[in-house]
Protein backbone atom coordinates (compact mmCIF):
# COMPACT_ATOMS: atom_id res chain seq x y z
CA MET A 1 -5.77 31.15 -4.54
CA PRO A 2 -8.03 29.53 -7.02
CA LEU A 3 -8.93 26.12 -5.87
CA ASN A 4 -7.69 24.45 -9.32
CA THR A 5 -4.03 25.98 -8.50
CA PRO A 6 -2.56 23.43 -5.70
CA PRO A 7 0.03 25.40 -3.48
CA LYS A 8 3.60 24.18 -3.30
CA ALA A 9 4.77 25.74 -0.22
CA CYS A 10 3.92 25.57 3.59
CA ASN A 11 1.22 28.44 4.21
CA CYS A 12 3.67 28.84 7.60
CA CYS A 13 7.35 28.49 6.94
CA ARG A 14 7.41 28.22 2.99
CA ARG A 15 8.82 25.23 3.12
CA ASP A 16 9.05 23.56 -0.47
CA LEU A 17 6.02 20.73 -0.80
CA ALA A 18 6.11 20.33 -4.65
CA PRO A 19 6.01 16.53 -5.68
CA ASP A 20 9.21 17.10 -7.59
CA GLY A 21 11.24 18.34 -4.75
CA ASP A 22 11.64 16.02 -1.55
CA ILE A 23 9.02 13.73 -2.20
CA PHE A 24 8.93 12.56 1.51
CA GLU A 25 7.69 16.25 2.56
CA ALA A 26 5.15 16.36 0.01
CA GLN A 27 3.71 13.01 1.18
CA GLU A 28 3.38 14.61 4.82
CA ALA A 29 1.86 17.49 3.69
CA ILE A 30 -1.63 18.22 5.20
CA GLN A 31 -3.80 20.19 3.36
CA ILE A 32 -7.17 21.98 5.25
CA SER A 33 -9.62 22.61 3.09
CA PHE A 34 -13.56 23.64 4.43
CA LEU A 35 -16.81 25.98 4.14
CA THR A 36 -17.63 28.02 7.04
CA GLY A 37 -21.11 28.26 8.08
CA TYR A 38 -23.18 31.34 9.74
CA ALA A 39 -21.53 32.79 12.66
CA SER A 40 -18.22 31.04 11.95
CA VAL A 41 -15.08 32.45 13.74
CA PHE A 42 -13.56 32.53 9.92
CA GLY A 43 -16.37 34.53 8.69
CA ASP A 44 -19.83 33.64 7.13
CA CYS A 45 -19.92 31.54 4.08
CA ASN A 46 -15.79 31.51 3.38
CA HIS A 47 -13.66 28.82 1.90
CA VAL A 48 -11.05 28.41 4.53
CA TYR A 49 -7.62 26.36 2.96
CA GLY A 50 -4.31 25.88 3.80
CA LEU A 51 -1.24 23.58 3.24
CA PHE A 52 1.10 22.68 5.99
CA CYS A 53 4.54 20.77 6.17
CA GLN A 54 4.68 18.14 9.07
CA HIS A 55 6.96 20.56 10.78
CA CYS A 56 4.69 23.38 11.36
CA LEU A 57 1.43 21.13 11.50
CA HIS A 58 3.58 19.37 14.95
CA GLU A 59 4.47 22.70 15.90
CA LEU A 60 0.95 24.01 15.80
CA LEU A 61 -1.46 21.15 16.67
CA GLY A 62 1.13 18.46 18.00
CA PRO A 63 0.20 19.13 21.42
CA TYR A 64 -3.70 18.80 20.84
CA LEU A 65 -3.10 15.76 18.72
CA ARG A 66 -2.78 11.65 19.62
CA THR A 67 -0.85 9.49 17.67
CA GLU A 68 -1.23 5.42 18.08
CA PRO A 69 -0.07 2.82 15.89
CA LEU A 70 -1.57 0.98 13.34
CA GLN A 71 -3.22 -2.09 13.90
CA ASP A 72 -2.70 -5.10 11.85
CA ASP A 73 -5.82 -4.72 9.90
CA GLN A 74 -5.43 -1.00 9.24
CA THR A 75 -1.71 -2.11 7.85
CA GLN A 76 -3.05 -4.49 5.73
CA ALA A 77 -6.07 -2.27 4.03
CA ASN A 78 -3.24 0.16 3.00
CA THR A 79 -1.16 -2.47 0.89
CA PRO A 80 -1.82 -2.93 -2.56
């Protein structure tokens, strides 16, 4: 898929992530995009990308991720 064509569905479960659909699902979507280097498990000099809904990300990576509440100064920094 070309970089200028944003995906609108989770690559794992195909859940609709279009901003004009369920806005909360769209806001929680995680997009991964990176370039590989020499001897990468993804191949040499490739572009790796994917879009995942919060549910699939939690299922796939949840056991390996840490969550903690935001501190007061972090919450204020995100407020307009």
